[in-house]
Structures are given as C-alpha cells and as structure tokens.
Amino acid sequence: MDISFPNLVMPKVTAMGTISFQTLVDGHYIWCEISCEALREQFGAYSMDCNDLLYSFYNGKKQIFQAARDYLEINGGRPVLLMAANFR
C-alpha cells in the first residue's frame, strides 16, 4: 500500500475540534483526523483554541503521520480518526 502525506491542502480544525489532514493512499486522496483529546494528552495542546491545536499537530506531525500510516495499513486505506489511545 502506497501512503503519503502530500501537504497540498493545509490541515484544518473541524467543527468537532479535530485536525483533519490530507492523505494519499494508492493514488486516492482521503482525509484523516486526530482528536483534540489526543492533541492535548499526547502533543501538549494547551486548549481547544485553533492555534493551540494546529501548533501541537505540527509539533507531533512525524508521530501522527506514522500512527495514521499504521492504521491505514490495518484498515485497508479507509479514513482514520486517531484518538489518544492510539499513541499509548
């Protein structure tokens, strides 16, 4: 399975407080997400403020992308919502 994170579209904060980021899986673009809970517990976001969430996302991007890659391989390339438990 060919998985990459092309960064053609900037990650965005959703109405639910997750960060949504673009992923390319076998030539198809999908959106994966990471929860605000994971960003606060694992990557040090101080609050639910958009800037805090995005800052922690960029600081943890390497780990976040690796976790997304691992779960995409497990689930056959369907969109993933990463939670705090995915990083323990």
N, C-alpha and C. Protein backbone atom coordinates (compact mmCIF):
# COMPACT_ATOMS: atom_id res chain seq x y z
N MET A 1 0.85 -1.16 0.00
CA MET A 1 0.00 0.00 0.00
C MET A 1 0.90 1.23 0.00
N ASP A 2 0.66 2.15 -0.92
CA ASP A 2 1.44 3.38 -1.04
C ASP A 2 0.72 4.50 -0.30
N ILE A 3 1.32 4.98 0.79
CA ILE A 3 0.70 6.01 1.64
C ILE A 3 1.66 7.19 1.75
N SER A 4 1.13 8.39 1.50
CA SER A 4 1.94 9.60 1.68
C SER A 4 1.05 10.73 2.19
N PHE A 5 1.72 11.78 2.61
CA PHE A 5 1.05 12.95 3.17
C PHE A 5 1.54 14.17 2.37
N PRO A 6 0.90 14.45 1.23
CA PRO A 6 1.44 15.40 0.26
C PRO A 6 1.41 16.87 0.67
N ASN A 7 0.63 17.24 1.68
CA ASN A 7 0.57 18.61 2.15
C ASN A 7 0.15 19.60 1.05
N LEU A 8 -0.72 19.17 0.15
CA LEU A 8 -1.25 20.06 -0.88
C LEU A 8 -2.32 20.97 -0.32
N VAL A 9 -3.03 20.47 0.69
CA VAL A 9 -4.07 21.24 1.38
C VAL A 9 -3.66 21.29 2.85
N MET A 10 -3.65 22.47 3.41
CA MET A 10 -3.22 22.63 4.80
C MET A 10 -4.19 21.91 5.74
N PRO A 11 -3.66 21.32 6.83
CA PRO A 11 -4.55 20.74 7.84
C PRO A 11 -5.51 21.79 8.36
N LYS A 12 -6.69 21.33 8.76
CA LYS A 12 -7.69 22.29 9.24
C LYS A 12 -8.37 21.77 10.49
N VAL A 13 -8.85 22.70 11.30
CA VAL A 13 -9.59 22.37 12.50
C VAL A 13 -11.05 22.23 12.10
N THR A 14 -11.65 21.11 12.46
CA THR A 14 -13.05 20.87 12.12
C THR A 14 -13.98 21.42 13.20
N ALA A 15 -15.26 21.42 12.92
CA ALA A 15 -16.26 21.88 13.90
C ALA A 15 -16.26 21.02 15.15
N MET A 16 -15.80 19.79 15.05
CA MET A 16 -15.76 18.88 16.20
C MET A 16 -14.47 19.02 17.01
N GLY A 17 -13.57 19.91 16.58
CA GLY A 17 -12.32 20.12 17.31
C GLY A 17 -11.23 19.14 16.95
N THR A 18 -11.38 18.44 15.86
CA THR A 18 -10.32 17.56 15.38
C THR A 18 -9.48 18.33 14.36
N ILE A 19 -8.30 17.80 14.10
CA ILE A 19 -7.49 18.31 12.99
C ILE A 19 -7.63 17.30 11.87
N SER A 20 -8.02 17.79 10.71
CA SER A 20 -8.20 16.97 9.52
C SER A 20 -7.01 17.21 8.60
N PHE A 21 -6.40 16.13 8.11
CA PHE A 21 -5.24 16.27 7.24
C PHE A 21 -5.36 15.33 6.04
N GLN A 22 -4.83 15.80 4.93
CA GLN A 22 -4.94 15.09 3.65
C GLN A 22 -3.92 13.95 3.59
N THR A 23 -4.38 12.82 3.06
CA THR A 23 -3.54 11.65 2.90
C THR A 23 -3.77 11.08 1.50
N LEU A 24 -2.71 10.60 0.90
CA LEU A 24 -2.79 9.97 -0.42
C LEU A 24 -2.54 8.48 -0.24
N VAL A 25 -3.55 7.67 -0.54
CA VAL A 25 -3.46 6.22 -0.38
C VAL A 25 -3.69 5.57 -1.74
N ASP A 26 -2.66 4.93 -2.25
CA ASP A 26 -2.75 4.26 -3.55
C ASP A 26 -3.36 5.16 -4.63
N GLY A 27 -2.93 6.43 -4.66
CA GLY A 27 -3.38 7.35 -5.68
C GLY A 27 -4.71 8.04 -5.42
N HIS A 28 -5.33 7.77 -4.28
CA HIS A 28 -6.62 8.38 -3.93
C HIS A 28 -6.45 9.26 -2.69
N TYR A 29 -6.99 10.48 -2.77
CA TYR A 29 -6.93 11.39 -1.63
C TYR A 29 -8.05 11.07 -0.65
N ILE A 30 -7.68 10.99 0.62
CA ILE A 30 -8.66 10.84 1.70
C ILE A 30 -8.28 11.81 2.81
N TRP A 31 -9.19 12.01 3.74
CA TRP A 31 -8.93 12.87 4.89
C TRP A 31 -8.88 11.99 6.14
N CYS A 32 -7.83 12.17 6.91
CA CYS A 32 -7.71 11.52 8.22
C CYS A 32 -7.81 12.62 9.27
N GLU A 33 -8.09 12.22 10.51
CA GLU A 33 -8.25 13.20 11.58
C GLU A 33 -7.56 12.71 12.85
N ILE A 34 -7.23 13.68 13.68
CA ILE A 34 -6.73 13.39 15.02
C ILE A 34 -7.58 14.19 16.00
N SER A 35 -7.96 13.56 17.09
CA SER A 35 -8.86 14.20 18.06
C SER A 35 -8.15 15.27 18.88
N CYS A 36 -8.95 16.21 19.39
CA CYS A 36 -8.40 17.24 20.27
C CYS A 36 -7.86 16.59 21.55
N GLU A 37 -8.50 15.53 21.99
CA GLU A 37 -8.05 14.80 23.17
C GLU A 37 -6.62 14.29 22.97
N ALA A 38 -6.36 13.69 21.81
CA ALA A 38 -5.02 13.19 21.52
C ALA A 38 -4.02 14.34 21.43
N LEU A 39 -4.43 15.44 20.82
CA LEU A 39 -3.53 16.59 20.71
C LEU A 39 -3.21 17.18 22.07
N ARG A 40 -4.18 17.16 22.98
CA ARG A 40 -3.94 17.70 24.32
C ARG A 40 -3.12 16.74 25.17
N GLU A 41 -3.48 15.46 25.17
CA GLU A 41 -2.81 14.49 26.04
C GLU A 41 -1.43 14.08 25.54
N GLN A 42 -1.29 13.94 24.24
CA GLN A 42 -0.05 13.40 23.68
C GLN A 42 0.90 14.45 23.10
N PHE A 43 0.36 15.58 22.67
CA PHE A 43 1.18 16.54 21.95
C PHE A 43 1.16 17.94 22.54
N GLY A 44 0.59 18.08 23.73
CA GLY A 44 0.73 19.29 24.51
C GLY A 44 -0.12 20.49 24.14
N ALA A 45 -1.23 20.29 23.43
CA ALA A 45 -2.11 21.43 23.15
C ALA A 45 -2.63 21.96 24.48
N TYR A 46 -2.55 23.26 24.69
CA TYR A 46 -2.95 23.87 25.96
C TYR A 46 -4.46 24.06 26.06
N SER A 47 -5.11 24.19 24.91
CA SER A 47 -6.54 24.48 24.92
C SER A 47 -7.17 23.98 23.63
N MET A 48 -8.46 24.26 23.48
CA MET A 48 -9.19 23.90 22.27
C MET A 48 -9.08 24.99 21.20
N ASP A 49 -8.30 26.02 21.48
CA ASP A 49 -8.09 27.09 20.52
C ASP A 49 -7.46 26.53 19.24
N CYS A 50 -7.93 27.00 18.11
CA CYS A 50 -7.44 26.50 16.81
C CYS A 50 -5.93 26.59 16.70
N ASN A 51 -5.36 27.70 17.16
CA ASN A 51 -3.92 27.87 17.06
C ASN A 51 -3.17 26.87 17.93
N ASP A 52 -3.66 26.61 19.12
CA ASP A 52 -3.03 25.61 20.00
C ASP A 52 -3.09 24.22 19.38
N LEU A 53 -4.25 23.86 18.83
CA LEU A 53 -4.40 22.54 18.21
C LEU A 53 -3.48 22.39 17.01
N LEU A 54 -3.44 23.39 16.16
CA LEU A 54 -2.57 23.32 14.98
C LEU A 54 -1.09 23.30 15.37
N TYR A 55 -0.71 24.07 16.36
CA TYR A 55 0.67 24.10 16.82
C TYR A 55 1.10 22.71 17.31
N SER A 56 0.26 22.08 18.12
CA SER A 56 0.59 20.75 18.63
C SER A 56 0.60 19.71 17.51
N PHE A 57 -0.30 19.88 16.52
CA PHE A 57 -0.30 18.98 15.36
C PHE A 57 1.04 19.06 14.64
N TYR A 58 1.50 20.25 14.35
CA TYR A 58 2.77 20.40 13.63
C TYR A 58 3.95 19.89 14.45
N ASN A 59 3.91 20.08 15.76
CA ASN A 59 5.00 19.57 16.61
C ASN A 59 5.03 18.05 16.65
N GLY A 60 3.87 17.42 16.57
CA GLY A 60 3.80 15.95 16.62
C GLY A 60 3.59 15.29 15.27
N LYS A 61 3.76 16.06 14.20
CA LYS A 61 3.41 15.58 12.86
C LYS A 61 4.08 14.26 12.50
N LYS A 62 5.33 14.07 12.84
CA LYS A 62 6.03 12.82 12.49
C LYS A 62 5.35 11.61 13.15
N GLN A 63 5.04 11.72 14.44
CA GLN A 63 4.37 10.63 15.15
C GLN A 63 2.93 10.44 14.66
N ILE A 64 2.25 11.54 14.39
CA ILE A 64 0.87 11.48 13.92
C ILE A 64 0.80 10.79 12.56
N PHE A 65 1.68 11.16 11.65
CA PHE A 65 1.70 10.54 10.32
C PHE A 65 2.05 9.06 10.41
N GLN A 66 2.98 8.70 11.31
CA GLN A 66 3.32 7.29 11.45
C GLN A 66 2.14 6.48 11.98
N ALA A 67 1.43 7.03 12.97
CA ALA A 67 0.26 6.34 13.51
C ALA A 67 -0.82 6.22 12.43
N ALA A 68 -1.03 7.27 11.67
CA ALA A 68 -2.02 7.21 10.58
C ALA A 68 -1.62 6.15 9.57
N ARG A 69 -0.35 6.11 9.20
CA ARG A 69 0.13 5.10 8.25
C ARG A 69 -0.13 3.69 8.78
N ASP A 70 0.19 3.47 10.05
CA ASP A 70 -0.02 2.14 10.66
C ASP A 70 -1.48 1.73 10.59
N TYR A 71 -2.39 2.63 10.96
CA TYR A 71 -3.81 2.29 10.97
C TYR A 71 -4.40 2.20 9.56
N LEU A 72 -3.89 2.99 8.63
CA LEU A 72 -4.35 2.87 7.24
C LEU A 72 -3.98 1.51 6.66
N GLU A 73 -2.80 1.02 6.99
CA GLU A 73 -2.40 -0.31 6.52
C GLU A 73 -3.28 -1.39 7.12
N ILE A 74 -3.68 -1.22 8.37
CA ILE A 74 -4.54 -2.20 9.04
C ILE A 74 -5.94 -2.20 8.44
N ASN A 75 -6.50 -0.99 8.19
CA ASN A 75 -7.90 -0.92 7.77
C ASN A 75 -8.11 -0.88 6.25
N GLY A 76 -7.04 -1.08 5.49
CA GLY A 76 -7.19 -1.14 4.04
C GLY A 76 -7.28 0.21 3.35
N GLY A 77 -6.84 1.27 4.02
CA GLY A 77 -6.79 2.58 3.39
C GLY A 77 -8.02 3.43 3.54
N ARG A 78 -8.87 3.09 4.49
CA ARG A 78 -10.05 3.93 4.76
C ARG A 78 -9.68 5.05 5.72
N PRO A 79 -10.41 6.16 5.72
CA PRO A 79 -10.11 7.28 6.62
C PRO A 79 -9.99 6.84 8.08
N VAL A 80 -9.12 7.52 8.80
CA VAL A 80 -8.80 7.18 10.17
C VAL A 80 -9.07 8.38 11.08
N LEU A 81 -9.61 8.11 12.27
CA LEU A 81 -9.70 9.11 13.32
C LEU A 81 -8.79 8.63 14.45
N LEU A 82 -7.68 9.31 14.63
CA LEU A 82 -6.72 8.94 15.68
C LEU A 82 -7.17 9.53 17.01
N MET A 83 -7.17 8.68 18.03
CA MET A 83 -7.55 9.08 19.38
C MET A 83 -6.32 8.97 20.29
N ALA A 84 -6.42 9.49 21.50
CA ALA A 84 -5.29 9.43 22.43
C ALA A 84 -4.82 8.00 22.65
N ALA A 85 -5.74 7.05 22.70
CA ALA A 85 -5.38 5.65 22.93
C ALA A 85 -4.51 5.06 21.82
N ASN A 86 -4.52 5.66 20.65
CA ASN A 86 -3.70 5.18 19.54
C ASN A 86 -2.23 5.49 19.71
N PHE A 87 -1.87 6.27 20.73
CA PHE A 87 -0.50 6.67 20.94
C PHE A 87 0.10 6.12 22.22
N ARG A 88 -0.56 5.19 22.85
CA ARG A 88 -0.06 4.62 24.12
C ARG A 88 0.71 3.38 23.89
